């Protein structure tokens, strides 16, 4: 059974409603009339190339970026900074291997690491919660290792546990698959799909390549040129939909169970490299050197 054959998302009120948001930065509109929603238990991919506006959308949801128009509702309420209903895994966290901070210590900080004064939870209760969360992300085996010595995939599990220990309803992840090998990518995606199902948490994960998420995504929010299209993968990743987003003709290719989005020849010209999901090639020489695209 594929990950996408898991139970359907809860039809109740959406955990996240993004309604017609636009954002201007330095005199340039970086987001235009973006709308989408996510319900409990849904795994949604926020997909787009570098500079498309993915991180800006996450900052808007987190209450860190003002909007020109529109609004964001989290569980029916207005967005705010440090919203306890939102768990967040940032794009880059650097851990010094020489600092004696264990994986379990990082997870425990998710309970009250942002507060001053006496911890909210008693020591015994904190220990139980940390153990439960380490087990939920399959991180118990390296819980007492220094987090700086862990692999990229193991560190992502620790950061996910840190974000989840406060029991949020919405989990935001900014490029968590960046710099992971293929096996670690799949392990993290499978873990998040399981968490969404078992804990009924709405998951919004940003990435520049949709392919590692295809087996897990319930919905996709595809961002291009500051505009968005949302729905199922079958509804959104179509030439006519993406061509409207990009403002020129786009082809969608299916190759060995992978989806490749490529600019049409008339849009790019015969010698101009075109952006694919995950690589850049020459239109006149598809076998030319491939270089990874980061976001």
C-alpha atoms as a PDB file:
ATOM      1  CA  UNK A   1       0.000   0.000   0.000  1.00  0.00           C
ATOM      2  CA  UNK A   2       1.423   3.422  -0.928  1.00  0.00           C
ATOM      3  CA  UNK A   3       1.613   6.220   1.606  1.00  0.00           C
ATOM      4  CA  UNK A   4      -1.131   8.085  -0.244  1.00  0.00           C
ATOM      5  CA  UNK A   5      -3.563   5.215   0.364  1.00  0.00           C
ATOM      6  CA  UNK A   6      -3.660   6.058   4.069  1.00  0.00           C
ATOM      7  CA  UNK A   7      -6.928   7.341   5.653  1.00  0.00           C
ATOM      8  CA  UNK A   8      -8.334  10.558   4.254  1.00  0.00           C
ATOM      9  CA  UNK A   9      -7.791  13.796   6.152  1.00  0.00           C
ATOM     10  CA  UNK A  10     -10.337  14.795   8.759  1.00  0.00           C
ATOM     11  CA  UNK A  11     -13.155  16.726   7.017  1.00  0.00           C
ATOM     12  CA  UNK A  12     -13.421  19.063  10.032  1.00  0.00           C
ATOM     13  CA  UNK A  13     -12.482  22.747  10.047  1.00  0.00           C
ATOM     14  CA  UNK A  14      -9.150  23.496   8.413  1.00  0.00           C
ATOM     15  CA  UNK A  15      -6.115  23.807  10.662  1.00  0.00           C
ATOM     16  CA  UNK A  16      -4.630  26.398   8.290  1.00  0.00           C
ATOM     17  CA  UNK A  17      -6.439  28.850   6.024  1.00  0.00           C
ATOM     18  CA  UNK A  18      -4.338  31.130   3.819  1.00  0.00           C
ATOM     19  CA  UNK A  19      -6.728  33.575   2.177  1.00  0.00           C
ATOM     20  CA  UNK A  20      -5.619  35.836  -0.661  1.00  0.00           C
ATOM     21  CA  UNK A  21      -2.284  36.950   0.797  1.00  0.00           C
ATOM     22  CA  UNK A  22       0.022  39.290  -1.103  1.00  0.00           C
ATOM     23  CA  UNK A  23       3.435  40.473   0.075  1.00  0.00           C
ATOM     24  CA  UNK A  24       5.604  43.339  -1.192  1.00  0.00           C
ATOM     25  CA  UNK A  25       9.306  43.502  -0.331  1.00  0.00           C
ATOM     26  CA  UNK A  26      11.637  46.313  -1.441  1.00  0.00           C
ATOM     27  CA  UNK A  27       9.073  47.575  -3.929  1.00  0.00           C
ATOM     28  CA  UNK A  28       8.540  44.153  -5.509  1.00  0.00           C
ATOM     29  CA  UNK A  29       5.507  41.903  -5.154  1.00  0.00           C
ATOM     30  CA  UNK A  30       6.890  38.529  -4.056  1.00  0.00           C
ATOM     31  CA  UNK A  31       3.506  36.879  -3.369  1.00  0.00           C
ATOM     32  CA  UNK A  32       0.274  37.609  -5.216  1.00  0.00           C
ATOM     33  CA  UNK A  33      -3.175  36.519  -4.027  1.00  0.00           C
ATOM     34  CA  UNK A  34      -2.040  33.170  -2.564  1.00  0.00           C
ATOM     35  CA  UNK A  35      -4.782  30.979  -1.104  1.00  0.00           C
ATOM     36  CA  UNK A  36      -4.874  27.399   0.195  1.00  0.00           C
ATOM     37  CA  UNK A  37      -5.984  25.407   3.228  1.00  0.00           C
ATOM     38  CA  UNK A  38      -4.816  22.317   5.121  1.00  0.00           C
ATOM     39  CA  UNK A  39      -6.976  20.041   7.246  1.00  0.00           C
ATOM     40  CA  UNK A  40      -6.054  17.790  10.192  1.00  0.00           C
ATOM     41  CA  UNK A  41      -3.947  14.820   9.112  1.00  0.00           C
ATOM     42  CA  UNK A  42      -3.121  16.224   5.670  1.00  0.00           C
ATOM     43  CA  UNK A  43       0.417  16.106   4.282  1.00  0.00           C
ATOM     44  CA  UNK A  44       0.909  19.061   1.919  1.00  0.00           C
ATOM     45  CA  UNK A  45       3.968  19.849  -0.170  1.00  0.00           C
ATOM     46  CA  UNK A  46       4.885  23.513  -0.730  1.00  0.00           C
ATOM     47  CA  UNK A  47       6.786  23.215  -4.002  1.00  0.00           C
ATOM     48  CA  UNK A  48       8.734  25.818  -5.945  1.00  0.00           C
ATOM     49  CA  UNK A  49      12.160  26.782  -7.225  1.00  0.00           C
ATOM     50  CA  UNK A  50      14.644  29.090  -5.527  1.00  0.00           C
ATOM     51  CA  UNK A  51      13.111  32.526  -4.943  1.00  0.00           C
ATOM     52  CA  UNK A  52       9.550  31.415  -5.732  1.00  0.00           C
ATOM     53  CA  UNK A  53       8.263  32.552  -2.328  1.00  0.00           C
ATOM     54  CA  UNK A  54       8.161  29.369  -0.222  1.00  0.00           C
ATOM     55  CA  UNK A  55      10.032  30.726   2.770  1.00  0.00           C
ATOM     56  CA  UNK A  56       8.055  33.972   2.622  1.00  0.00           C
ATOM     57  CA  UNK A  57       4.815  31.977   2.886  1.00  0.00           C
ATOM     58  CA  UNK A  58       6.135  30.138   5.935  1.00  0.00           C
ATOM     59  CA  UNK A  59       7.196  33.444   7.531  1.00  0.00           C
ATOM     60  CA  UNK A  60       3.714  34.842   6.924  1.00  0.00           C
ATOM     61  CA  UNK A  61       2.113  31.821   8.613  1.00  0.00           C
ATOM     62  CA  UNK A  62       4.512  32.153  11.560  1.00  0.00           C
ATOM     63  CA  UNK A  63       3.582  35.801  11.993  1.00  0.00           C
ATOM     64  CA  UNK A  64       7.089  36.996  11.082  1.00  0.00           C
ATOM     65  CA  UNK A  65       6.141  38.696   7.806  1.00  0.00           C
ATOM     66  CA  UNK A  66       3.426  41.293   7.291  1.00  0.00           C
ATOM     67  CA  UNK A  67       1.078  40.972   4.323  1.00  0.00           C
ATOM     68  CA  UNK A  68      -0.229  43.650   1.979  1.00  0.00           C
ATOM     69  CA  UNK A  69      -3.579  41.922   1.561  1.00  0.00           C
ATOM     70  CA  UNK A  70      -5.315  38.795   2.791  1.00  0.00           C
ATOM     71  CA  UNK A  71      -5.272  36.951   6.093  1.00  0.00           C
ATOM     72  CA  UNK A  72      -4.049  33.726   7.707  1.00  0.00           C
ATOM     73  CA  UNK A  73      -6.126  31.688  10.152  1.00  0.00           C
ATOM     74  CA  UNK A  74      -4.672  28.917  12.328  1.00  0.00           C
ATOM     75  CA  UNK A  75      -7.378  26.658  13.768  1.00  0.00           C
ATOM     76  CA  UNK A  76      -9.870  29.436  13.044  1.00  0.00           C
ATOM     77  CA  UNK A  77      -7.904  32.127  14.887  1.00  0.00           C
ATOM     78  CA  UNK A  78      -5.674  34.947  13.676  1.00  0.00           C
ATOM     79  CA  UNK A  79      -1.990  34.201  13.248  1.00  0.00           C
ATOM     80  CA  UNK A  80       0.444  35.333  15.931  1.00  0.00           C
ATOM     81  CA  UNK A  81       4.102  34.972  16.789  1.00  0.00           C
ATOM     82  CA  UNK A  82       5.029  31.968  18.942  1.00  0.00           C
ATOM     83  CA  UNK A  83       1.669  30.375  18.296  1.00  0.00           C
ATOM     84  CA  UNK A  84       1.577  27.178  20.407  1.00  0.00           C
ATOM     85  CA  UNK A  85      -0.554  25.526  17.729  1.00  0.00           C
ATOM     86  CA  UNK A  86       2.371  25.658  15.270  1.00  0.00           C
ATOM     87  CA  UNK A  87       5.511  23.516  15.315  1.00  0.00           C
ATOM     88  CA  UNK A  88       8.374  24.690  13.109  1.00  0.00           C
ATOM     89  CA  UNK A  89      11.511  23.057  11.714  1.00  0.00           C
ATOM     90  CA  UNK A  90      13.799  25.746  10.214  1.00  0.00           C
ATOM     91  CA  UNK A  91      15.801  25.331   7.033  1.00  0.00           C
ATOM     92  CA  UNK A  92      19.280  25.323   8.543  1.00  0.00           C
ATOM     93  CA  UNK A  93      20.393  24.481  12.073  1.00  0.00           C
ATOM     94  CA  UNK A  94      24.119  24.053  12.643  1.00  0.00           C
ATOM     95  CA  UNK A  95      25.148  21.886  15.584  1.00  0.00           C
ATOM     96  CA  UNK A  96      28.722  22.075  16.834  1.00  0.00           C
ATOM     97  CA  UNK A  97      29.961  18.505  17.460  1.00  0.00           C
ATOM     98  CA  UNK A  98      32.150  19.817  20.296  1.00  0.00           C
ATOM     99  CA  UNK A  99      29.183  21.141  22.286  1.00  0.00           C
ATOM    100  CA  UNK A 100      27.946  18.476  24.738  1.00  0.00           C
ATOM    101  CA  UNK A 101      24.256  18.735  23.860  1.00  0.00           C
ATOM    102  CA  UNK A 102      22.504  15.403  23.447  1.00  0.00           C
ATOM    103  CA  UNK A 103      19.645  14.666  21.081  1.00  0.00           C
ATOM    104  CA  UNK A 104      17.270  14.311  24.041  1.00  0.00           C
ATOM    105  CA  UNK A 105      18.339  17.747  25.321  1.00  0.00           C
ATOM    106  CA  UNK A 106      17.336  19.372  22.020  1.00  0.00           C
ATOM    107  CA  UNK A 107      13.962  17.630  22.111  1.00  0.00           C
ATOM    108  CA  UNK A 108      13.356  18.745  25.723  1.00  0.00           C
ATOM    109  CA  UNK A 109      13.959  22.382  24.739  1.00  0.00           C
ATOM    110  CA  UNK A 110      10.792  22.160  22.660  1.00  0.00           C
ATOM    111  CA  UNK A 111       8.743  22.117  25.873  1.00  0.00           C
ATOM    112  CA  UNK A 112       9.844  25.418  27.406  1.00  0.00           C
ATOM    113  CA  UNK A 113      13.177  26.408  25.884  1.00  0.00           C
ATOM    114  CA  UNK A 114      11.714  29.755  24.768  1.00  0.00           C
ATOM    115  CA  UNK A 115      10.494  30.640  28.268  1.00  0.00           C
ATOM    116  CA  UNK A 116      12.328  32.202  31.219  1.00  0.00           C
ATOM    117  CA  UNK A 117      11.934  31.101  34.815  1.00  0.00           C
ATOM    118  CA  UNK A 118      10.782  27.820  36.318  1.00  0.00           C
ATOM    119  CA  UNK A 119      10.054  25.047  33.770  1.00  0.00           C
ATOM    120  CA  UNK A 120       6.352  24.455  33.179  1.00  0.00           C
ATOM    121  CA  UNK A 121       6.662  20.671  33.387  1.00  0.00           C
ATOM    122  CA  UNK A 122       7.983  18.719  36.390  1.00  0.00           C
ATOM    123  CA  UNK A 123      11.215  16.832  35.761  1.00  0.00           C
ATOM    124  CA  UNK A 124       9.581  13.388  35.696  1.00  0.00           C
ATOM    125  CA  UNK A 125       6.812  14.517  33.340  1.00  0.00           C
ATOM    126  CA  UNK A 126       9.374  16.179  31.056  1.00  0.00           C
ATOM    127  CA  UNK A 127      11.392  12.962  30.890  1.00  0.00           C
ATOM    128  CA  UNK A 128       8.302  10.938  29.948  1.00  0.00           C
ATOM    129  CA  UNK A 129       7.302  13.379  27.220  1.00  0.00           C
ATOM    130  CA  UNK A 130      10.825  13.417  25.760  1.00  0.00           C
ATOM    131  CA  UNK A 131      10.976   9.617  25.686  1.00  0.00           C
ATOM    132  CA  UNK A 132       7.567   9.441  24.002  1.00  0.00           C
ATOM    133  CA  UNK A 133       8.616  11.883  21.317  1.00  0.00           C
ATOM    134  CA  UNK A 134      11.999  10.240  20.713  1.00  0.00           C
ATOM    135  CA  UNK A 135      10.164   6.957  20.226  1.00  0.00           C
ATOM    136  CA  UNK A 136       7.615   8.602  17.893  1.00  0.00           C
ATOM    137  CA  UNK A 137      10.381   9.684  15.497  1.00  0.00           C
ATOM    138  CA  UNK A 138      12.485   6.503  15.918  1.00  0.00           C
ATOM    139  CA  UNK A 139      15.332   8.424  17.582  1.00  0.00           C
ATOM    140  CA  UNK A 140      15.659   6.488  20.852  1.00  0.00           C
ATOM    141  CA  UNK A 141      18.785   4.634  19.711  1.00  0.00           C
ATOM    142  CA  UNK A 142      20.823   7.831  19.432  1.00  0.00           C
ATOM    143  CA  UNK A 143      19.050   9.895  22.102  1.00  0.00           C
ATOM    144  CA  UNK A 144      22.182  10.199  24.274  1.00  0.00           C
ATOM    145  CA  UNK A 145      24.602  11.030  21.485  1.00  0.00           C
ATOM    146  CA  UNK A 146      25.810  14.567  20.851  1.00  0.00           C
ATOM    147  CA  UNK A 147      23.465  16.015  18.282  1.00  0.00           C
ATOM    148  CA  UNK A 148      26.407  17.551  16.386  1.00  0.00           C
ATOM    149  CA  UNK A 149      27.772  14.068  15.681  1.00  0.00           C
ATOM    150  CA  UNK A 150      24.558  12.747  14.166  1.00  0.00           C
ATOM    151  CA  UNK A 151      23.920  12.325  10.443  1.00  0.00           C
ATOM    152  CA  UNK A 152      21.721  14.790   8.560  1.00  0.00           C
ATOM    153  CA  UNK A 153      18.758  12.404   8.619  1.00  0.00           C
ATOM    154  CA  UNK A 154      19.155  11.749  12.343  1.00  0.00           C
ATOM    155  CA  UNK A 155      19.340  15.472  13.085  1.00  0.00           C
ATOM    156  CA  UNK A 156      16.113  16.004  11.138  1.00  0.00           C
ATOM    157  CA  UNK A 157      14.385  13.415  13.330  1.00  0.00           C
ATOM    158  CA  UNK A 158      15.576  15.268  16.429  1.00  0.00           C
ATOM    159  CA  UNK A 159      14.359  18.622  15.075  1.00  0.00           C
ATOM    160  CA  UNK A 160      10.989  17.124  14.160  1.00  0.00           C
ATOM    161  CA  UNK A 161      10.640  15.722  17.688  1.00  0.00           C
ATOM    162  CA  UNK A 162      11.608  19.144  19.099  1.00  0.00           C
ATOM    163  CA  UNK A 163       8.845  20.769  17.021  1.00  0.00           C
ATOM    164  CA  UNK A 164       6.226  18.143  17.927  1.00  0.00           C
ATOM    165  CA  UNK A 165       6.739  17.762  21.673  1.00  0.00           C
ATOM    166  CA  UNK A 166       4.476  20.724  22.469  1.00  0.00           C
ATOM    167  CA  UNK A 167       1.633  18.938  20.606  1.00  0.00           C
ATOM    168  CA  UNK A 168       0.966  21.468  17.818  1.00  0.00           C
ATOM    169  CA  UNK A 169      -1.863  21.107  15.313  1.00  0.00           C
ATOM    170  CA  UNK A 170       0.238  22.379  12.392  1.00  0.00           C
ATOM    171  CA  UNK A 171       3.825  21.391  11.558  1.00  0.00           C
ATOM    172  CA  UNK A 172       5.821  23.632   9.193  1.00  0.00           C
ATOM    173  CA  UNK A 173       9.110  22.403   7.720  1.00  0.00           C
ATOM    174  CA  UNK A 174      11.379  24.625   5.626  1.00  0.00           C
ATOM    175  CA  UNK A 175      13.397  22.489   3.168  1.00  0.00           C
ATOM    176  CA  UNK A 176      13.980  19.574   5.590  1.00  0.00           C
ATOM    177  CA  UNK A 177      15.180  17.317   2.748  1.00  0.00           C
ATOM    178  CA  UNK A 178      17.981  19.637   1.637  1.00  0.00           C
ATOM    179  CA  UNK A 179      21.422  17.972   1.714  1.00  0.00           C
ATOM    180  CA  UNK A 180      20.009  14.561   2.633  1.00  0.00           C
ATOM    181  CA  UNK A 181      20.849  11.436   0.651  1.00  0.00           C
ATOM    182  CA  UNK A 182      18.041   9.583  -1.133  1.00  0.00           C
ATOM    183  CA  UNK A 183      17.574   7.022   1.632  1.00  0.00           C
ATOM    184  CA  UNK A 184      17.381   9.676   4.364  1.00  0.00           C
ATOM    185  CA  UNK A 185      14.949  11.709   2.250  1.00  0.00           C
ATOM    186  CA  UNK A 186      12.576   8.778   2.007  1.00  0.00           C
ATOM    187  CA  UNK A 187      12.896   7.945   5.696  1.00  0.00           C
ATOM    188  CA  UNK A 188      12.013  11.514   6.728  1.00  0.00           C
ATOM    189  CA  UNK A 189       9.054  11.677   4.324  1.00  0.00           C
ATOM    190  CA  UNK A 190       7.718   8.321   5.533  1.00  0.00           C
ATOM    191  CA  UNK A 191       8.091   9.453   9.137  1.00  0.00           C
ATOM    192  CA  UNK A 192       6.180  12.690   8.516  1.00  0.00           C
ATOM    193  CA  UNK A 193       3.389  10.874   6.678  1.00  0.00           C
ATOM    194  CA  UNK A 194       3.027   8.502   9.620  1.00  0.00           C
ATOM    195  CA  UNK A 195       2.979  11.362  12.130  1.00  0.00           C
ATOM    196  CA  UNK A 196       0.328  13.207  10.125  1.00  0.00           C
ATOM    197  CA  UNK A 197      -1.874  10.104  10.140  1.00  0.00           C
ATOM    198  CA  UNK A 198      -1.319   8.922  13.714  1.00  0.00           C
ATOM    199  CA  UNK A 199      -1.335  12.325  15.445  1.00  0.00           C
ATOM    200  CA  UNK A 200      -3.787  14.050  13.047  1.00  0.00           C
ATOM    201  CA  UNK A 201      -1.316  16.883  12.558  1.00  0.00           C
ATOM    202  CA  UNK A 202      -1.445  19.018   9.423  1.00  0.00           C
ATOM    203  CA  UNK A 203       2.002  18.980   7.778  1.00  0.00           C
ATOM    204  CA  UNK A 204       3.260  21.653   5.373  1.00  0.00           C
ATOM    205  CA  UNK A 205       6.707  20.855   3.964  1.00  0.00           C
ATOM    206  CA  UNK A 206       8.572  23.123   1.550  1.00  0.00           C
ATOM    207  CA  UNK A 207      10.842  21.649  -1.130  1.00  0.00           C
ATOM    208  CA  UNK A 208      12.121  22.496  -4.575  1.00  0.00           C
ATOM    209  CA  UNK A 209      11.634  18.921  -5.824  1.00  0.00           C
ATOM    210  CA  UNK A 210       8.234  17.256  -5.507  1.00  0.00           C
ATOM    211  CA  UNK A 211       9.424  13.762  -6.405  1.00  0.00           C
ATOM    212  CA  UNK A 212      10.473  12.564  -2.921  1.00  0.00           C
ATOM    213  CA  UNK A 213       7.001  13.571  -1.689  1.00  0.00           C
ATOM    214  CA  UNK A 214       4.832  12.041  -4.405  1.00  0.00           C
ATOM    215  CA  UNK A 215       3.996   8.865  -2.473  1.00  0.00           C
ATOM    216  CA  UNK A 216       3.062  10.819   0.654  1.00  0.00           C
ATOM    217  CA  UNK A 217       1.419  14.087  -0.407  1.00  0.00           C
ATOM    218  CA  UNK A 218      -2.323  14.488  -0.030  1.00  0.00           C
ATOM    219  CA  UNK A 219      -2.155  17.952  -1.597  1.00  0.00           C
ATOM    220  CA  UNK A 220       0.355  20.249  -3.244  1.00  0.00           C
ATOM    221  CA  UNK A 221       0.780  24.028  -3.181  1.00  0.00           C
ATOM    222  CA  UNK A 222       2.875  24.850  -6.254  1.00  0.00           C
ATOM    223  CA  UNK A 223       4.536  28.286  -6.202  1.00  0.00           C
ATOM    224  CA  UNK A 224       5.903  30.067  -9.287  1.00  0.00           C
ATOM    225  CA  UNK A 225       6.573  33.774  -9.803  1.00  0.00           C
ATOM    226  CA  UNK A 226       4.848  34.553  -6.511  1.00  0.00           C
ATOM    227  CA  UNK A 227       1.584  32.869  -7.512  1.00  0.00           C
ATOM    228  CA  UNK A 228       0.187  29.576  -6.302  1.00  0.00           C
ATOM    229  CA  UNK A 229      -2.007  26.704  -7.420  1.00  0.00           C
ATOM    230  CA  UNK A 230      -3.249  24.160  -4.882  1.00  0.00           C
ATOM    231  CA  UNK A 231      -5.031  20.824  -5.008  1.00  0.00           C
ATOM    232  CA  UNK A 232      -4.063  17.207  -5.519  1.00  0.00           C
ATOM    233  CA  UNK A 233      -0.948  16.472  -7.561  1.00  0.00           C
ATOM    234  CA  UNK A 234      -3.127  15.285 -10.429  1.00  0.00           C
ATOM    235  CA  UNK A 235      -5.102  18.547 -10.384  1.00  0.00           C
ATOM    236  CA  UNK A 236      -2.138  20.922 -10.140  1.00  0.00           C
ATOM    237  CA  UNK A 237       0.850  19.371 -11.920  1.00  0.00           C
ATOM    238  CA  UNK A 238      -0.603  19.746 -15.418  1.00  0.00           C
ATOM    239  CA  UNK A 239       0.721  21.784 -18.353  1.00  0.00           C
ATOM    240  CA  UNK A 240      -2.280  24.116 -18.526  1.00  0.00           C
ATOM    241  CA  UNK A 241      -2.188  24.903 -14.782  1.00  0.00           C
ATOM    242  CA  UNK A 242       1.567  25.436 -14.499  1.00  0.00           C
ATOM    243  CA  UNK A 243       1.708  27.394 -17.766  1.00  0.00           C
ATOM    244  CA  UNK A 244      -0.702  29.925 -16.235  1.00  0.00           C
ATOM    245  CA  UNK A 245       1.502  30.204 -13.147  1.00  0.00           C
ATOM    246  CA  UNK A 246       4.755  30.660 -15.051  1.00  0.00           C
ATOM    247  CA  UNK A 247       3.237  32.916 -17.706  1.00  0.00           C
ATOM    248  CA  UNK A 248       4.571  30.800 -20.562  1.00  0.00           C
ATOM    249  CA  UNK A 249       4.176  27.272 -21.886  1.00  0.00           C
ATOM    250  CA  UNK A 250       5.347  24.507 -19.556  1.00  0.00           C
ATOM    251  CA  UNK A 251       5.529  20.773 -20.213  1.00  0.00           C
ATOM    252  CA  UNK A 252       5.063  18.093 -17.548  1.00  0.00           C
ATOM    253  CA  UNK A 253       7.002  14.903 -18.233  1.00  0.00           C
ATOM    254  CA  UNK A 254       6.664  11.560 -16.463  1.00  0.00           C
ATOM    255  CA  UNK A 255       9.907   9.582 -16.553  1.00  0.00           C
ATOM    256  CA  UNK A 256      10.452   6.404 -14.496  1.00  0.00           C
ATOM    257  CA  UNK A 257       7.861   7.377 -11.861  1.00  0.00           C
ATOM    258  CA  UNK A 258       9.326  10.879 -11.591  1.00  0.00           C
ATOM    259  CA  UNK A 259       7.694  14.149 -12.587  1.00  0.00           C
ATOM    260  CA  UNK A 260       9.752  16.722 -14.477  1.00  0.00           C
ATOM    261  CA  UNK A 261       8.540  20.266 -15.132  1.00  0.00           C
ATOM    262  CA  UNK A 262      10.304  21.900 -18.070  1.00  0.00           C
ATOM    263  CA  UNK A 263       9.847  25.148 -20.003  1.00  0.00           C
ATOM    264  CA  UNK A 264       8.582  24.684 -23.550  1.00  0.00           C
ATOM    265  CA  UNK A 265      11.093  25.275 -26.359  1.00  0.00           C
ATOM    266  CA  UNK A 266       9.295  28.377 -27.601  1.00  0.00           C
ATOM    267  CA  UNK A 267       9.583  29.958 -24.135  1.00  0.00           C
ATOM    268  CA  UNK A 268      13.239  29.211 -23.456  1.00  0.00           C
ATOM    269  CA  UNK A 269      14.833  29.302 -26.906  1.00  0.00           C
ATOM    270  CA  UNK A 270      16.985  26.573 -28.462  1.00  0.00           C
ATOM    271  CA  UNK A 271      20.157  27.177 -26.440  1.00  0.00           C
ATOM    272  CA  UNK A 272      18.809  28.383 -23.088  1.00  0.00           C
ATOM    273  CA  UNK A 273      19.074  25.983 -20.112  1.00  0.00           C
ATOM    274  CA  UNK A 274      15.694  25.203 -18.577  1.00  0.00           C
ATOM    275  CA  UNK A 275      14.829  24.569 -14.968  1.00  0.00           C
ATOM    276  CA  UNK A 276      13.626  21.082 -14.131  1.00  0.00           C
ATOM    277  CA  UNK A 277      12.661  19.744 -10.763  1.00  0.00           C
ATOM    278  CA  UNK A 278      16.084  18.937  -9.425  1.00  0.00           C
ATOM    279  CA  UNK A 279      18.280  19.642 -12.443  1.00  0.00           C
ATOM    280  CA  UNK A 280      19.208  21.932 -15.320  1.00  0.00           C
ATOM    281  CA  UNK A 281      19.748  20.634 -18.847  1.00  0.00           C
ATOM    282  CA  UNK A 282      20.112  22.070 -22.324  1.00  0.00           C
ATOM    283  CA  UNK A 283      17.098  21.887 -24.578  1.00  0.00           C
ATOM    284  CA  UNK A 284      19.298  20.952 -27.518  1.00  0.00           C
ATOM    285  CA  UNK A 285      21.264  18.344 -25.563  1.00  0.00           C
ATOM    286  CA  UNK A 286      19.238  16.593 -22.846  1.00  0.00           C
ATOM    287  CA  UNK A 287      22.254  14.434 -21.988  1.00  0.00           C
ATOM    288  CA  UNK A 288      24.323  17.476 -21.091  1.00  0.00           C
ATOM    289  CA  UNK A 289      25.880  17.974 -17.673  1.00  0.00           C
ATOM    290  CA  UNK A 290      23.341  18.097 -14.859  1.00  0.00           C
ATOM    291  CA  UNK A 291      23.702  20.349 -11.850  1.00  0.00           C
ATOM    292  CA  UNK A 292      21.538  20.235  -8.735  1.00  0.00           C
ATOM    293  CA  UNK A 293      19.221  23.145  -8.028  1.00  0.00           C
ATOM    294  CA  UNK A 294      18.899  24.290  -4.441  1.00  0.00           C
ATOM    295  CA  UNK A 295      16.290  26.435  -2.790  1.00  0.00           C
END
